[in-house]
Amino acid sequence: MQKIHILLFLVLCWGSSKAQIDGTLLLGLTQATTTEMNAISNAVEGSLLYNTTESKVFQYNGSNWGAVGDSNSWGISGNSGTSSGSNFIGSKDAQDLILKSNNTEKLRLVNNRGQVLVNRANIFNNHPLVIRANGNDVLAFQDAAGTSKWHWNILGGGLNFVETGIADYRLFLQYGGNVGFNTSTPEYTADINGTARIINTPTISAATKVLVKNPTTGQISEQAIPALGSGKLLETIHGRAYFYNNTWYSTHDQYGTSYQNWNQNKGTSTTPSYSTAGQSGIPITSDMELVKFTMKNDFNSNPSGSQYINLSVLRGGSYTSIGTYTITTGSTVISIESHTVNFQLQENDLLVWACRTVGGANRQSYTSLTFEFGY
């Protein structure tokens, strides 16, 4: 019994001595911060110290201090003392570099071309970046606050530019070449569902063509201007024209252009002195061309000297002379003559005219004047 007690005592004493190691007997290292470590100027190769900033043991290799055990590895909290010219993450052989998350490939750097593949994308030509969609979603853009503003997705083979949370199809590049604005079904090369503004209009291929908008479809296309005479208007004015005293006479300002005396004095200058008030004429309702005019005369006596008719237009508060034409067929029998004009009139113009004789006796003519307008 006594032997058993002694044996038990020895076991307890041995166990107690194993559990109580004196910490002061452990091997200790010089401690230093990173700043203090880098300031050491006479370190011997192989020297060790404990870096209290990094909480790691560092060894001096003769030129630099490096963490023991991972001097050639990248730490999960970063590395210090690296050189961008020689330190890198990657492979040195002909193998792709792959980054994975949850054991699934997320990013691949292709070894034999300057190409990055995202989300298990396949190699495609030599584009620097190739992205494989997650379902329909391809790429998103956020502002400086981290708020999503725009994103791209693939819909029906087309690329959809989305204003996030606002509207789809701000721009839609349809497979096949058509481009839609605010529409997912563009039917033309450029199909705009909304307003449009064209700053620089396309060059028209010929002077005989114009850009025309289809009011039903909204399509703009180049079309030839209708041939002269394919659309025309005729306006006939009657009156008794005065050819007196080398003076210009126009239609009477009190009675307009209905049948009456053309006896309103407009002076003796080379061109008539038309008035901007109390002047009768033909108001022009839209842009059109004055193609020609035809004049019927029936003088009360054979005219002498030279007879003329002037056409002018009141535009923007001032007159422009279209031309002065010589009457060559005047006599006491009815005569008709035509004169080509080809003058472009504008909406809100006022077309006016006046007659006179130069160097001849006073005469009157029972006159009809027909204007031909083209559009």
Protein backbone atom coordinates (compact mmCIF):
# COMPACT_ATOMS: atom_id res chain seq x y z
CA MET A 1 0.00 0.00 0.00
CA GLN A 2 2.83 2.33 0.85
CA LYS A 3 4.46 1.63 -2.54
CA ILE A 4 1.30 2.63 -4.32
CA HIS A 5 1.17 5.97 -2.52
CA ILE A 6 4.79 6.73 -3.42
CA LEU A 7 4.21 5.88 -7.11
CA LEU A 8 1.13 8.09 -7.28
CA PHE A 9 3.05 10.99 -5.74
CA LEU A 10 5.84 10.70 -8.33
CA VAL A 11 3.35 10.70 -11.23
CA LEU A 12 1.65 13.85 -9.95
CA CYS A 13 4.95 15.66 -9.52
CA TRP A 14 6.06 14.74 -13.05
CA GLY A 15 2.77 15.95 -14.55
CA SER A 16 2.99 19.20 -12.67
CA SER A 17 6.51 19.88 -13.94
CA LYS A 18 5.43 19.26 -17.58
CA ALA A 19 2.51 21.77 -17.35
CA GLN A 20 4.46 24.64 -15.82
CA ILE A 21 7.19 25.74 -18.29
CA ASP A 22 8.95 28.92 -17.24
CA GLY A 23 8.28 31.61 -19.92
CA THR A 24 11.54 33.40 -19.06
CA LEU A 25 13.49 30.40 -20.32
CA LEU A 26 12.04 30.69 -23.91
CA LEU A 27 14.26 31.94 -26.78
CA GLY A 28 13.58 35.66 -27.33
CA LEU A 29 14.13 37.92 -30.43
CA THR A 30 14.91 41.58 -30.68
CA GLN A 31 11.70 43.52 -31.28
CA ALA A 32 11.35 46.51 -33.62
CA THR A 33 8.73 48.40 -35.55
CA THR A 34 8.85 48.50 -39.36
CA THR A 35 10.36 52.00 -39.20
CA GLU A 36 13.02 50.90 -36.71
CA MET A 37 13.76 47.75 -38.71
CA ASN A 38 14.29 49.65 -41.96
CA ALA A 39 16.55 52.14 -40.16
CA ILE A 40 19.08 49.43 -39.16
CA SER A 41 22.24 50.14 -41.17
CA ASN A 42 24.60 47.35 -40.02
CA ALA A 43 22.39 44.26 -40.07
CA VAL A 44 24.19 40.98 -40.79
CA GLU A 45 22.78 38.58 -43.37
CA GLY A 46 20.67 35.99 -41.59
CA SER A 47 19.79 38.28 -38.67
CA LEU A 48 16.32 37.80 -37.19
CA LEU A 49 13.97 40.17 -35.38
CA TYR A 50 10.29 40.35 -34.47
CA ASN A 51 8.43 43.12 -36.33
CA THR A 52 5.83 44.45 -33.91
CA THR A 53 4.10 46.44 -36.69
CA GLU A 54 3.53 43.35 -38.86
CA SER A 55 3.46 40.84 -35.94
CA LYS A 56 5.88 38.67 -37.90
CA VAL A 57 9.45 37.41 -37.71
CA PHE A 58 11.66 39.09 -40.32
CA GLN A 59 15.05 37.93 -41.68
CA TYR A 60 17.72 40.05 -43.34
CA ASN A 61 18.92 38.59 -46.68
CA GLY A 62 21.88 40.91 -47.10
CA SER A 63 19.96 43.71 -48.79
CA ASN A 64 16.34 43.66 -47.56
CA TRP A 65 14.24 42.47 -44.65
CA GLY A 66 11.62 39.86 -45.48
CA ALA A 67 8.98 38.01 -43.47
CA VAL A 68 10.14 34.52 -42.57
CA GLY A 69 8.16 31.77 -44.26
CA ASP A 70 6.38 33.95 -46.87
CA SER A 71 9.07 36.17 -48.34
CA ASN A 72 8.09 34.98 -51.82
CA SER A 73 4.35 34.84 -51.13
CA TRP A 74 1.60 37.40 -51.12
CA GLY A 75 0.02 37.85 -47.73
CA ILE A 76 -3.72 38.04 -47.24
CA SER A 77 -3.27 41.50 -45.74
CA GLY A 78 -0.75 42.70 -48.31
CA ASN A 79 3.04 42.88 -48.58
CA SER A 80 5.63 45.55 -47.97
CA GLY A 81 9.01 46.10 -49.55
CA THR A 82 7.81 45.02 -53.01
CA SER A 83 9.08 46.24 -56.37
CA SER A 84 6.66 46.77 -59.25
CA GLY A 85 9.46 45.92 -61.64
CA SER A 86 10.10 42.44 -60.26
CA ASN A 87 7.23 41.41 -57.96
CA PHE A 88 3.92 40.23 -59.42
CA ILE A 89 1.06 37.78 -59.08
CA GLY A 90 0.90 35.38 -61.99
CA SER A 91 2.47 32.53 -63.88
CA LYS A 92 5.87 32.29 -65.56
CA ASP A 93 5.00 29.44 -67.89
CA ALA A 94 2.51 29.17 -70.79
CA GLN A 95 -0.55 28.79 -68.57
CA ASP A 96 -3.59 31.00 -68.09
CA LEU A 97 -3.96 32.77 -64.75
CA ILE A 98 -7.35 31.99 -63.21
CA LEU A 99 -9.15 33.66 -60.31
CA LYS A 100 -11.95 31.69 -58.67
CA SER A 101 -14.62 32.27 -56.05
CA ASN A 102 -16.48 29.36 -54.42
CA ASN A 103 -14.36 27.17 -56.70
CA THR A 104 -15.95 28.79 -59.79
CA GLU A 105 -13.87 30.65 -62.35
CA LYS A 106 -14.58 34.41 -62.33
CA LEU A 107 -11.61 35.85 -64.21
CA ARG A 108 -9.06 34.42 -66.63
CA LEU A 109 -5.95 36.06 -68.08
CA VAL A 110 -5.25 34.28 -71.36
CA ASN A 111 -1.56 33.36 -71.60
CA ASN A 112 -1.02 33.70 -75.36
CA ARG A 113 -2.86 36.99 -76.08
CA GLY A 114 -3.65 40.27 -74.34
CA GLN A 115 -7.14 39.19 -73.38
CA VAL A 116 -9.12 39.05 -70.13
CA LEU A 117 -12.12 36.72 -69.95
CA VAL A 118 -14.87 37.49 -67.43
CA ASN A 119 -17.42 35.00 -66.10
CA ARG A 120 -16.08 31.97 -68.04
CA ALA A 121 -16.23 33.79 -71.38
CA ASN A 122 -14.72 32.09 -74.41
CA ILE A 123 -11.70 33.43 -76.25
CA PHE A 124 -12.85 35.76 -79.04
CA ASN A 125 -10.51 37.33 -81.59
CA ASN A 126 -8.00 39.64 -79.88
CA HIS A 127 -10.32 41.92 -77.92
CA PRO A 128 -8.66 43.00 -74.63
CA LEU A 129 -11.87 42.22 -72.68
CA VAL A 130 -14.56 39.60 -73.29
CA ILE A 131 -17.57 39.40 -70.94
CA ARG A 132 -20.03 36.53 -70.73
CA ALA A 133 -23.51 37.61 -69.66
CA ASN A 134 -25.19 36.47 -66.46
CA GLY A 135 -28.49 35.53 -68.02
CA ASN A 136 -29.28 38.75 -69.91
CA ASP A 137 -27.12 41.12 -67.87
CA VAL A 138 -23.72 42.18 -69.21
CA LEU A 139 -22.37 45.34 -67.59
CA ALA A 140 -23.53 48.02 -65.12
CA PHE A 141 -22.35 51.56 -64.43
CA GLN A 142 -22.57 53.37 -61.09
CA ASP A 143 -21.96 56.98 -60.13
CA ALA A 144 -19.44 58.16 -57.54
CA ALA A 145 -21.94 57.44 -54.74
CA GLY A 146 -22.30 53.81 -55.83
CA THR A 147 -25.79 54.26 -57.30
CA SER A 148 -26.52 52.25 -60.44
CA LYS A 149 -27.33 54.60 -63.32
CA TRP A 150 -26.97 52.60 -66.53
CA HIS A 151 -26.64 48.96 -67.52
CA TRP A 152 -26.44 46.84 -70.63
CA ASN A 153 -28.19 43.59 -71.32
CA ILE A 154 -28.74 41.21 -74.22
CA LEU A 155 -32.34 40.95 -75.41
CA GLY A 156 -33.35 38.96 -78.47
CA GLY A 157 -29.80 39.05 -79.75
CA GLY A 158 -29.70 42.86 -79.51
CA LEU A 159 -27.80 45.09 -77.09
CA ASN A 160 -30.12 47.10 -74.83
CA PHE A 161 -28.89 50.32 -73.17
CA VAL A 162 -30.99 50.79 -70.02
CA GLU A 163 -31.36 53.86 -67.83
CA THR A 164 -31.49 51.92 -64.59
CA GLY A 165 -34.84 52.18 -62.84
CA ILE A 166 -36.15 54.58 -65.50
CA ALA A 167 -36.60 52.98 -68.92
CA ASP A 168 -35.36 50.24 -71.24
CA TYR A 169 -34.34 50.83 -74.86
CA ARG A 170 -32.85 54.29 -74.45
CA LEU A 171 -30.70 52.88 -77.24
CA PHE A 172 -31.20 49.44 -78.79
CA LEU A 173 -28.76 47.90 -81.26
CA GLN A 174 -30.81 45.27 -83.02
CA TYR A 175 -29.14 42.16 -84.37
CA GLY A 176 -28.96 42.78 -88.12
CA GLY A 177 -28.02 46.47 -88.06
CA ASN A 178 -31.06 48.59 -87.19
CA VAL A 179 -30.79 51.04 -84.29
CA GLY A 180 -33.76 52.01 -82.13
CA PHE A 181 -34.26 54.96 -79.81
CA ASN A 182 -36.96 54.22 -77.22
CA THR A 183 -38.11 51.20 -79.21
CA SER A 184 -37.26 47.49 -79.07
CA THR A 185 -38.36 46.86 -82.66
CA PRO A 186 -36.50 49.29 -84.94
CA GLU A 187 -37.64 48.90 -88.54
CA TYR A 188 -35.10 51.27 -90.09
CA THR A 189 -31.37 51.88 -89.84
CA ALA A 190 -32.24 54.67 -87.38
CA ASP A 191 -35.73 54.36 -85.86
CA ILE A 192 -36.64 57.11 -83.37
CA ASN A 193 -39.73 56.76 -81.20
CA GLY A 194 -39.95 60.37 -80.04
CA THR A 195 -38.65 63.77 -81.06
CA ALA A 196 -35.51 64.20 -83.15
CA ARG A 197 -33.17 67.04 -83.99
CA ILE A 198 -30.73 66.90 -86.90
CA ILE A 199 -27.97 69.51 -86.70
CA ASN A 200 -26.01 68.53 -89.77
CA THR A 201 -28.44 67.31 -92.42
CA PRO A 202 -27.19 64.81 -95.02
CA THR A 203 -25.79 66.13 -98.25
CA ILE A 204 -28.41 65.98 -100.97
CA SER A 205 -27.05 64.20 -104.02
CA ALA A 206 -28.42 66.64 -106.61
CA ALA A 207 -30.02 70.06 -106.88
CA THR A 208 -33.16 68.39 -108.19
CA LYS A 209 -33.68 66.38 -104.96
CA VAL A 210 -34.95 67.16 -101.46
CA LEU A 211 -35.37 65.38 -98.11
CA VAL A 212 -38.99 64.36 -97.56
CA LYS A 213 -40.64 63.03 -94.38
CA ASN A 214 -43.42 60.45 -94.66
CA PRO A 215 -46.13 61.78 -92.28
CA THR A 216 -47.40 58.25 -91.56
CA THR A 217 -44.17 56.36 -90.82
CA GLY A 218 -41.93 59.32 -90.03
CA GLN A 219 -39.34 58.01 -92.47
CA ILE A 220 -37.05 60.63 -94.06
CA SER A 221 -35.83 59.89 -97.57
CA GLU A 222 -34.38 61.67 -100.57
CA GLN A 223 -36.78 62.32 -103.42
CA ALA A 224 -36.63 64.18 -106.69
CA ILE A 225 -38.31 67.58 -106.86
CA PRO A 226 -41.42 67.28 -109.03
CA ALA A 227 -40.77 68.42 -112.58
CA LEU A 228 -41.73 71.98 -113.41
CA GLY A 229 -45.37 72.04 -114.42
CA SER A 230 -46.32 68.88 -112.54
CA GLY A 231 -47.96 71.15 -110.02
CA LYS A 232 -49.07 74.66 -110.92
CA LEU A 233 -51.51 77.42 -110.04
CA LEU A 234 -52.92 80.14 -112.31
CA GLU A 235 -54.08 83.57 -111.20
CA THR A 236 -55.62 86.07 -113.67
CA ILE A 237 -56.04 89.81 -113.05
CA HIS A 238 -58.10 92.17 -115.28
CA GLY A 239 -57.91 95.95 -115.59
CA ARG A 240 -57.48 99.03 -117.78
CA ALA A 241 -53.77 99.78 -117.83
CA TYR A 242 -52.57 103.37 -118.21
CA PHE A 243 -49.49 104.05 -120.37
CA TYR A 244 -49.14 107.81 -119.69
CA ASN A 245 -46.39 110.42 -119.48
CA ASN A 246 -43.41 108.06 -118.98
CA THR A 247 -44.90 107.27 -115.56
CA TRP A 248 -45.35 103.91 -113.84
CA TYR A 249 -48.98 103.07 -113.03
CA SER A 250 -50.08 100.13 -110.86
CA THR A 251 -53.43 98.75 -109.75
CA HIS A 252 -55.51 101.19 -107.75
CA ASP A 253 -54.74 100.89 -104.04
CA GLN A 254 -58.37 101.47 -103.01
CA TYR A 255 -59.92 98.67 -105.04
CA GLY A 256 -57.38 95.88 -104.97
CA THR A 257 -56.79 93.71 -108.02
CA SER A 258 -60.38 93.31 -109.24
CA TYR A 259 -61.26 94.92 -112.56
CA GLN A 260 -60.47 98.61 -112.31
CA ASN A 261 -58.12 101.26 -113.62
CA TRP A 262 -54.39 100.66 -113.26
CA ASN A 263 -53.80 104.34 -112.68
CA GLN A 264 -51.95 104.56 -109.34
CA ASN A 265 -48.88 106.76 -109.96
CA LYS A 266 -45.60 105.05 -108.96
CA GLY A 267 -43.11 107.59 -110.29
CA THR A 268 -40.76 107.84 -113.25
CA SER A 269 -37.65 106.10 -111.91
CA THR A 270 -36.09 103.10 -113.61
CA THR A 271 -38.24 100.89 -111.38
CA PRO A 272 -41.59 101.85 -109.83
CA SER A 273 -41.71 103.50 -106.40
CA TYR A 274 -44.12 101.06 -104.79
CA SER A 275 -45.55 101.91 -101.37
CA THR A 276 -45.43 99.79 -98.22
CA ALA A 277 -48.90 101.08 -97.32
CA GLY A 278 -51.98 101.21 -99.54
CA GLN A 279 -50.41 98.97 -102.18
CA SER A 280 -52.59 96.31 -103.82
CA GLY A 281 -51.14 93.03 -105.10
CA ILE A 282 -51.34 89.24 -104.75
CA PRO A 283 -50.45 87.82 -101.29
CA ILE A 284 -48.39 84.61 -101.50
CA THR A 285 -49.62 81.86 -99.15
CA SER A 286 -46.69 79.42 -99.37
CA ASP A 287 -43.26 79.03 -100.93
CA MET A 288 -43.62 78.58 -104.69
CA GLU A 289 -42.04 79.63 -107.96
CA LEU A 290 -43.37 82.33 -110.27
CA VAL A 291 -42.77 80.45 -113.50
CA LYS A 292 -44.04 82.95 -116.06
CA PHE A 293 -46.76 85.45 -116.85
CA THR A 294 -48.94 85.93 -119.94
CA MET A 295 -50.33 89.36 -120.83
CA LYS A 296 -53.31 90.21 -123.07
CA ASN A 297 -53.42 93.79 -124.41
CA ASP A 298 -56.02 95.68 -126.42
CA PHE A 299 -54.96 99.34 -126.85
CA ASN A 300 -57.44 102.12 -127.55
CA SER A 301 -55.02 103.41 -130.20
CA ASN A 302 -51.81 102.05 -131.65
CA PRO A 303 -49.07 102.71 -129.07
CA SER A 304 -45.86 104.60 -129.85
CA GLY A 305 -42.56 104.62 -128.04
CA SER A 306 -41.79 101.61 -125.81
CA GLN A 307 -44.16 99.92 -123.40
CA TYR A 308 -43.01 98.03 -120.27
CA ILE A 309 -44.36 96.05 -117.33
CA ASN A 310 -42.45 95.65 -114.06
CA LEU A 311 -42.91 92.84 -111.51
CA SER A 312 -41.69 93.28 -107.94
CA VAL A 313 -42.16 91.62 -104.55
CA LEU A 314 -42.64 93.12 -101.10
CA ARG A 315 -40.72 90.98 -98.63
CA GLY A 316 -39.88 91.82 -95.05
CA GLY A 317 -40.88 95.46 -95.41
CA SER A 318 -38.90 96.27 -98.57
CA TYR A 319 -39.32 95.77 -102.30
CA THR A 320 -37.22 93.66 -104.65
CA SER A 321 -37.60 94.05 -108.40
CA ILE A 322 -38.20 90.72 -110.12
CA GLY A 323 -37.72 92.20 -113.58
CA THR A 324 -38.92 94.72 -116.17
CA TYR A 325 -40.26 93.24 -119.41
CA THR A 326 -40.87 94.90 -122.80
CA ILE A 327 -44.34 94.64 -124.36
CA THR A 328 -43.67 93.94 -128.02
CA THR A 329 -47.10 93.12 -129.49
CA GLY A 330 -49.25 96.08 -128.47
CA SER A 331 -51.86 97.25 -131.00
CA THR A 332 -55.55 98.06 -131.37
CA VAL A 333 -56.33 94.38 -131.78
CA ILE A 334 -56.02 91.79 -129.06
CA SER A 335 -52.42 90.59 -128.62
CA ILE A 336 -51.05 88.01 -126.21
CA GLU A 337 -47.43 87.47 -125.18
CA SER A 338 -45.69 85.42 -122.47
CA HIS A 339 -42.52 86.06 -120.47
CA THR A 340 -40.53 83.48 -118.50
CA VAL A 341 -39.71 84.58 -114.95
CA ASN A 342 -38.56 81.60 -112.75
CA PHE A 343 -38.46 83.61 -109.52
CA GLN A 344 -38.74 81.89 -106.14
CA LEU A 345 -41.49 83.42 -104.02
CA GLN A 346 -41.80 82.96 -100.27
CA GLU A 347 -44.75 82.69 -97.94
CA ASN A 348 -46.09 86.14 -96.98
CA ASP A 349 -44.59 87.88 -100.04
CA LEU A 350 -46.77 90.43 -101.87
CA LEU A 351 -46.51 90.24 -105.68
CA VAL A 352 -47.06 93.66 -107.35
CA TRP A 353 -46.74 95.11 -110.90
CA ALA A 354 -46.91 98.39 -112.84
CA CYS A 355 -46.96 99.51 -116.53
CA ARG A 356 -45.61 102.54 -118.39
CA THR A 357 -44.66 103.93 -121.79
CA VAL A 358 -41.39 105.71 -122.61
CA GLY A 359 -41.23 108.28 -125.43
CA GLY A 360 -44.72 107.64 -126.70
CA ALA A 361 -48.21 109.07 -126.73
CA ASN A 362 -50.62 108.39 -123.89
CA ARG A 363 -52.51 105.16 -124.37
CA GLN A 364 -54.83 102.82 -122.45
CA SER A 365 -55.05 99.05 -122.80
CA TYR A 366 -57.79 96.68 -121.75
CA THR A 367 -55.49 94.18 -120.10
CA SER A 368 -55.61 90.70 -118.61
CA LEU A 369 -52.56 89.39 -116.73
CA THR A 370 -52.22 85.68 -115.89
CA PHE A 371 -49.50 84.47 -113.48
CA GLU A 372 -48.37 80.83 -113.50
CA PHE A 373 -47.02 79.49 -110.19
CA GLY A 374 -45.18 76.18 -109.87
CA TYR A 375 -44.87 74.02 -106.76
